[in-house]
Each structure stands twice: as C-alpha cells, then as structure tokens.
C-alpha atoms as a PDB file:
ATOM      1  CA  UNK A   1     -11.545  36.968   3.333  1.00  0.00           C
ATOM      2  CA  UNK A   2      -8.728  37.413   0.698  1.00  0.00           C
ATOM      3  CA  UNK A   3      -6.427  37.948   3.305  1.00  0.00           C
ATOM      4  CA  UNK A   4      -7.381  34.707   5.242  1.00  0.00           C
ATOM      5  CA  UNK A   5      -7.168  32.506   1.937  1.00  0.00           C
ATOM      6  CA  UNK A   6      -3.521  33.514   1.338  1.00  0.00           C
ATOM      7  CA  UNK A   7      -2.080  33.165   4.910  1.00  0.00           C
ATOM      8  CA  UNK A   8      -3.384  29.206   4.465  1.00  0.00           C
ATOM      9  CA  UNK A   9      -3.023  28.387   1.018  1.00  0.00           C
ATOM     10  CA  UNK A  10      -0.884  30.526  -0.347  1.00  0.00           C
ATOM     11  CA  UNK A  11       1.233  31.824   2.019  1.00  0.00           C
ATOM     12  CA  UNK A  12       5.319  32.349   1.648  1.00  0.00           C
ATOM     13  CA  UNK A  13       6.228  29.407   3.434  1.00  0.00           C
ATOM     14  CA  UNK A  14       3.724  26.794   1.325  1.00  0.00           C
ATOM     15  CA  UNK A  15       6.079  26.658  -1.791  1.00  0.00           C
ATOM     16  CA  UNK A  16       8.169  24.907   0.541  1.00  0.00           C
ATOM     17  CA  UNK A  17       6.183  22.358   0.905  1.00  0.00           C
ATOM     18  CA  UNK A  18       5.974  21.873  -3.006  1.00  0.00           C
ATOM     19  CA  UNK A  19       9.093  19.771  -3.502  1.00  0.00           C
ATOM     20  CA  UNK A  20       7.492  17.733  -0.314  1.00  0.00           C
ATOM     21  CA  UNK A  21       4.120  17.242  -1.517  1.00  0.00           C
ATOM     22  CA  UNK A  22       5.806  15.793  -4.738  1.00  0.00           C
ATOM     23  CA  UNK A  23       7.876  13.191  -3.562  1.00  0.00           C
ATOM     24  CA  UNK A  24       4.769  11.870  -1.900  1.00  0.00           C
ATOM     25  CA  UNK A  25       3.192  11.913  -5.128  1.00  0.00           C
ATOM     26  CA  UNK A  26       5.893  10.492  -6.593  1.00  0.00           C
ATOM     27  CA  UNK A  27       7.006   7.463  -4.179  1.00  0.00           C
ATOM     28  CA  UNK A  28       3.106   6.505  -3.957  1.00  0.00           C
ATOM     29  CA  UNK A  29       2.420   6.871  -7.744  1.00  0.00           C
ATOM     30  CA  UNK A  30       5.961   5.321  -8.761  1.00  0.00           C
ATOM     31  CA  UNK A  31       5.547   2.234  -6.100  1.00  0.00           C
ATOM     32  CA  UNK A  32       1.597   1.837  -7.431  1.00  0.00           C
ATOM     33  CA  UNK A  33       3.180   1.243 -10.970  1.00  0.00           C
ATOM     34  CA  UNK A  34       6.091  -0.835 -10.445  1.00  0.00           C
ATOM     35  CA  UNK A  35       4.056  -3.310  -8.931  1.00  0.00           C
ATOM     36  CA  UNK A  36       1.490  -3.054 -11.824  1.00  0.00           C
ATOM     37  CA  UNK A  37       4.195  -2.869 -14.465  1.00  0.00           C
ATOM     38  CA  UNK A  38       6.062  -6.237 -12.409  1.00  0.00           C
ATOM     39  CA  UNK A  39       2.827  -8.104 -12.557  1.00  0.00           C
ATOM     40  CA  UNK A  40       2.173  -7.596 -16.338  1.00  0.00           C
ATOM     41  CA  UNK A  41       6.254  -8.693 -16.677  1.00  0.00           C
ATOM     42  CA  UNK A  42       6.737 -11.960 -14.120  1.00  0.00           C
ATOM     43  CA  UNK A  43       5.648 -15.280 -13.779  1.00  0.00           C
ATOM     44  CA  UNK A  44       3.132 -15.753 -11.064  1.00  0.00           C
ATOM     45  CA  UNK A  45       1.287 -12.395 -12.142  1.00  0.00           C
ATOM     46  CA  UNK A  46      -1.068 -11.603 -14.687  1.00  0.00           C
ATOM     47  CA  UNK A  47       1.831 -11.922 -17.088  1.00  0.00           C
ATOM     48  CA  UNK A  48       2.242 -10.368 -20.950  1.00  0.00           C
ATOM     49  CA  UNK A  49      -0.095 -12.875 -22.701  1.00  0.00           C
ATOM     50  CA  UNK A  50      -2.739 -12.679 -19.777  1.00  0.00           C
ATOM     51  CA  UNK A  51      -3.261  -8.941 -20.013  1.00  0.00           C
ATOM     52  CA  UNK A  52      -2.808  -9.050 -24.048  1.00  0.00           C
ATOM     53  CA  UNK A  53      -6.254 -11.296 -23.971  1.00  0.00           C
ATOM     54  CA  UNK A  54      -7.381  -8.676 -21.556  1.00  0.00           C
ATOM     55  CA  UNK A  55      -6.871  -6.063 -23.811  1.00  0.00           C
ATOM     56  CA  UNK A  56      -8.266  -8.237 -26.831  1.00  0.00           C
ATOM     57  CA  UNK A  57     -11.333  -8.931 -24.476  1.00  0.00           C
ATOM     58  CA  UNK A  58     -12.019  -4.897 -24.000  1.00  0.00           C
ATOM     59  CA  UNK A  59     -11.673  -4.228 -27.336  1.00  0.00           C
ATOM     60  CA  UNK A  60      -8.416  -3.007 -28.012  1.00  0.00           C
ATOM     61  CA  UNK A  61      -8.020  -2.537 -31.639  1.00  0.00           C
ATOM     62  CA  UNK A  62      -4.336  -3.106 -32.834  1.00  0.00           C
ATOM     63  CA  UNK A  63      -1.646  -5.868 -32.232  1.00  0.00           C
ATOM     64  CA  UNK A  64      -2.678  -6.689 -28.066  1.00  0.00           C
ATOM     65  CA  UNK A  65       0.544  -8.489 -27.232  1.00  0.00           C
ATOM     66  CA  UNK A  66       2.811  -5.702 -28.537  1.00  0.00           C
ATOM     67  CA  UNK A  67       0.896  -2.810 -26.570  1.00  0.00           C
ATOM     68  CA  UNK A  68       0.828  -5.225 -23.738  1.00  0.00           C
ATOM     69  CA  UNK A  69       4.522  -5.087 -23.650  1.00  0.00           C
ATOM     70  CA  UNK A  70       4.540  -1.411 -24.027  1.00  0.00           C
ATOM     71  CA  UNK A  71       2.070  -0.889 -21.164  1.00  0.00           C
ATOM     72  CA  UNK A  72       3.777  -2.898 -18.551  1.00  0.00           C
ATOM     73  CA  UNK A  73       7.285  -1.253 -19.417  1.00  0.00           C
ATOM     74  CA  UNK A  74       5.769   1.704 -19.144  1.00  0.00           C
ATOM     75  CA  UNK A  75       4.458   1.014 -16.172  1.00  0.00           C
ATOM     76  CA  UNK A  76       7.543  -0.345 -14.763  1.00  0.00           C
ATOM     77  CA  UNK A  77      10.009   2.000 -16.210  1.00  0.00           C
ATOM     78  CA  UNK A  78       8.124   5.010 -15.345  1.00  0.00           C
ATOM     79  CA  UNK A  79       7.398   3.685 -12.128  1.00  0.00           C
ATOM     80  CA  UNK A  80      11.151   3.810 -11.198  1.00  0.00           C
ATOM     81  CA  UNK A  81      11.471   6.991 -12.947  1.00  0.00           C
ATOM     82  CA  UNK A  82       8.717   8.473 -11.026  1.00  0.00           C
ATOM     83  CA  UNK A  83      10.077   6.870  -7.618  1.00  0.00           C
ATOM     84  CA  UNK A  84      13.936   8.029  -8.392  1.00  0.00           C
ATOM     85  CA  UNK A  85      12.358  11.644  -9.976  1.00  0.00           C
ATOM     86  CA  UNK A  86      14.365  11.523 -13.187  1.00  0.00           C
ATOM     87  CA  UNK A  87      12.700  11.549 -16.651  1.00  0.00           C
ATOM     88  CA  UNK A  88       9.529  12.252 -14.568  1.00  0.00           C
ATOM     89  CA  UNK A  89       8.334  14.529 -16.940  1.00  0.00           C
ATOM     90  CA  UNK A  90       7.992  12.710 -19.526  1.00  0.00           C
ATOM     91  CA  UNK A  91       7.214   9.258 -17.247  1.00  0.00           C
ATOM     92  CA  UNK A  92       4.361  11.191 -16.023  1.00  0.00           C
ATOM     93  CA  UNK A  93       2.930  11.658 -19.924  1.00  0.00           C
ATOM     94  CA  UNK A  94       2.941   8.672 -20.969  1.00  0.00           C
ATOM     95  CA  UNK A  95       1.985   6.976 -17.808  1.00  0.00           C
ATOM     96  CA  UNK A  96      -0.988   9.931 -18.159  1.00  0.00           C
ATOM     97  CA  UNK A  97      -1.244   8.164 -21.490  1.00  0.00           C
ATOM     98  CA  UNK A  98      -1.513   4.797 -19.929  1.00  0.00           C
ATOM     99  CA  UNK A  99      -4.038   5.644 -17.727  1.00  0.00           C
ATOM    100  CA  UNK A 100      -6.458   7.488 -20.083  1.00  0.00           C
ATOM    101  CA  UNK A 101      -6.709   4.747 -22.053  1.00  0.00           C
ATOM    102  CA  UNK A 102      -7.569   2.396 -19.062  1.00  0.00           C
ATOM    103  CA  UNK A 103      -9.827   4.193 -17.886  1.00  0.00           C
ATOM    104  CA  UNK A 104     -11.650   4.815 -20.862  1.00  0.00           C
ATOM    105  CA  UNK A 105     -11.369   1.305 -22.393  1.00  0.00           C
ATOM    106  CA  UNK A 106     -11.688  -0.882 -19.348  1.00  0.00           C
ATOM    107  CA  UNK A 107     -13.982   1.430 -16.947  1.00  0.00           C
ATOM    108  CA  UNK A 108     -15.656   3.322 -19.892  1.00  0.00           C
ATOM    109  CA  UNK A 109     -15.133   6.715 -18.011  1.00  0.00           C
ATOM    110  CA  UNK A 110     -17.273   5.390 -15.006  1.00  0.00           C
ATOM    111  CA  UNK A 111     -17.113   6.573 -11.787  1.00  0.00           C
ATOM    112  CA  UNK A 112     -16.487   5.041  -8.684  1.00  0.00           C
ATOM    113  CA  UNK A 113     -15.304   2.074 -11.121  1.00  0.00           C
ATOM    114  CA  UNK A 114     -12.675   3.793 -12.391  1.00  0.00           C
ATOM    115  CA  UNK A 115     -11.370   6.496  -9.432  1.00  0.00           C
ATOM    116  CA  UNK A 116      -8.255   4.753  -9.260  1.00  0.00           C
ATOM    117  CA  UNK A 117      -7.665   5.160 -12.619  1.00  0.00           C
ATOM    118  CA  UNK A 118      -8.450   8.823 -12.206  1.00  0.00           C
ATOM    119  CA  UNK A 119      -6.000   9.267  -9.484  1.00  0.00           C
ATOM    120  CA  UNK A 120      -3.271   7.877 -10.672  1.00  0.00           C
ATOM    121  CA  UNK A 121      -3.869  10.130 -14.083  1.00  0.00           C
ATOM    122  CA  UNK A 122      -4.193  13.254 -12.299  1.00  0.00           C
ATOM    123  CA  UNK A 123      -1.313  12.547 -10.264  1.00  0.00           C
ATOM    124  CA  UNK A 124       1.125  11.605 -13.674  1.00  0.00           C
ATOM    125  CA  UNK A 125      -0.364  14.841 -15.155  1.00  0.00           C
ATOM    126  CA  UNK A 126       0.386  16.536 -12.017  1.00  0.00           C
ATOM    127  CA  UNK A 127       3.778  15.246 -12.025  1.00  0.00           C
ATOM    128  CA  UNK A 128       4.251  15.828 -15.984  1.00  0.00           C
ATOM    129  CA  UNK A 129       3.224  19.489 -15.374  1.00  0.00           C
ATOM    130  CA  UNK A 130       5.252  20.500 -12.488  1.00  0.00           C
ATOM    131  CA  UNK A 131       8.304  17.744 -12.590  1.00  0.00           C
ATOM    132  CA  UNK A 132       9.807  16.094  -9.827  1.00  0.00           C
ATOM    133  CA  UNK A 133      10.902  18.529  -7.673  1.00  0.00           C
ATOM    134  CA  UNK A 134      14.076  19.197  -5.330  1.00  0.00           C
ATOM    135  CA  UNK A 135      13.961  15.849  -3.588  1.00  0.00           C
ATOM    136  CA  UNK A 136      14.952  13.748  -6.341  1.00  0.00           C
ATOM    137  CA  UNK A 137      17.580  12.501  -8.713  1.00  0.00           C
ATOM    138  CA  UNK A 138      17.175  15.430 -11.030  1.00  0.00           C
ATOM    139  CA  UNK A 139      16.789  17.875  -8.240  1.00  0.00           C
ATOM    140  CA  UNK A 140      19.848  17.054  -6.522  1.00  0.00           C
ATOM    141  CA  UNK A 141      21.613  17.013 -10.150  1.00  0.00           C
ATOM    142  CA  UNK A 142      20.470  20.415 -10.951  1.00  0.00           C
ATOM    143  CA  UNK A 143      21.766  21.774  -7.448  1.00  0.00           C
ATOM    144  CA  UNK A 144      24.824  20.551  -8.050  1.00  0.00           C
ATOM    145  CA  UNK A 145      25.309  22.104 -11.553  1.00  0.00           C
ATOM    146  CA  UNK A 146      23.445  25.260 -10.166  1.00  0.00           C
ATOM    147  CA  UNK A 147      26.339  25.636  -7.106  1.00  0.00           C
ATOM    148  CA  UNK A 148      28.888  24.737  -9.628  1.00  0.00           C
ATOM    149  CA  UNK A 149      27.963  27.664 -12.726  1.00  0.00           C
ATOM    150  CA  UNK A 150      27.262  30.018  -9.617  1.00  0.00           C
ATOM    151  CA  UNK A 151      30.811  29.398  -7.847  1.00  0.00           C
ATOM    152  CA  UNK A 152      29.795  28.178  -4.672  1.00  0.00           C
ATOM    153  CA  UNK A 153      31.653  24.904  -5.221  1.00  0.00           C
END
C-alpha cells in the first residue's frame, strides 16, 4: 500500500508540479482579491463608505472607515502581489487575517455560508507558508541571483 501511495502522491516528479499548482492558486485567489478590493475602492462598487457602514452593522468596534481602507487596500494590493508572485508571503499573511476576520465577523464561522471565505483563507495561508513558487517574479529574480552567484551567467 505504501508503494502505491508513494507512486501516486509523493513520487519524484510530483514536486515539479508544486510551482504550477501555486501559480494556479495565486492567479485565482489574486484575481478574486483584486476584484473585491477594487469594488471597495471605486465608485459604482460598494465603495469605502458603504463597506464602512457594513463593518459598523456587523459589529466592528473601532474606526470602521479606517479599517475599511485597510481591508480594501490589503485586498487590492495583496491580490496584485499574489498575481505577480512578489511579496506573496506577507501578502498571504495579511489576506489570511482579512479573511479570518471576515469569516468570523460576517459569517460567524458558519458553513456553508462562509465556505468561500474559508477557501480564500486557506489559499492565502498556504501561499504564506510555501511562498510563490518558481513561476513568479520573485522566483525569476531568485533564479537570476542564483545563476549569477553560481557563475552560470
């Protein structure tokens, strides 16, 4: 049984797919975060004032307008960071915090009502733990640095 599991779940070639899988997760989550942040930041969406009102209604205790800006900018800029694969670990941490608070405050940790929040929290946390992978701006920069230090360039 161990031999079968190892061939399907942890074979030598499986690690080659890690960066590709991270790219898919980064692009999907990044796009979602950018869209949600943009919706809060621009006229025609829910806008900052509307989001601040929502924070007040769900019981956010302090400075709802300030934290509406913090969340909107975190989602928008954090989403861009995920898409590009640069500063993705800190972006993943900050986005995880945003999603944990959103899931708890707005959805009361209920499932299935908060399943999208839980999914985005999990993806952001996974990226915070693993980094962006090779198919990223950071991965390309580190490859170039490694190549120069190793005398390959």
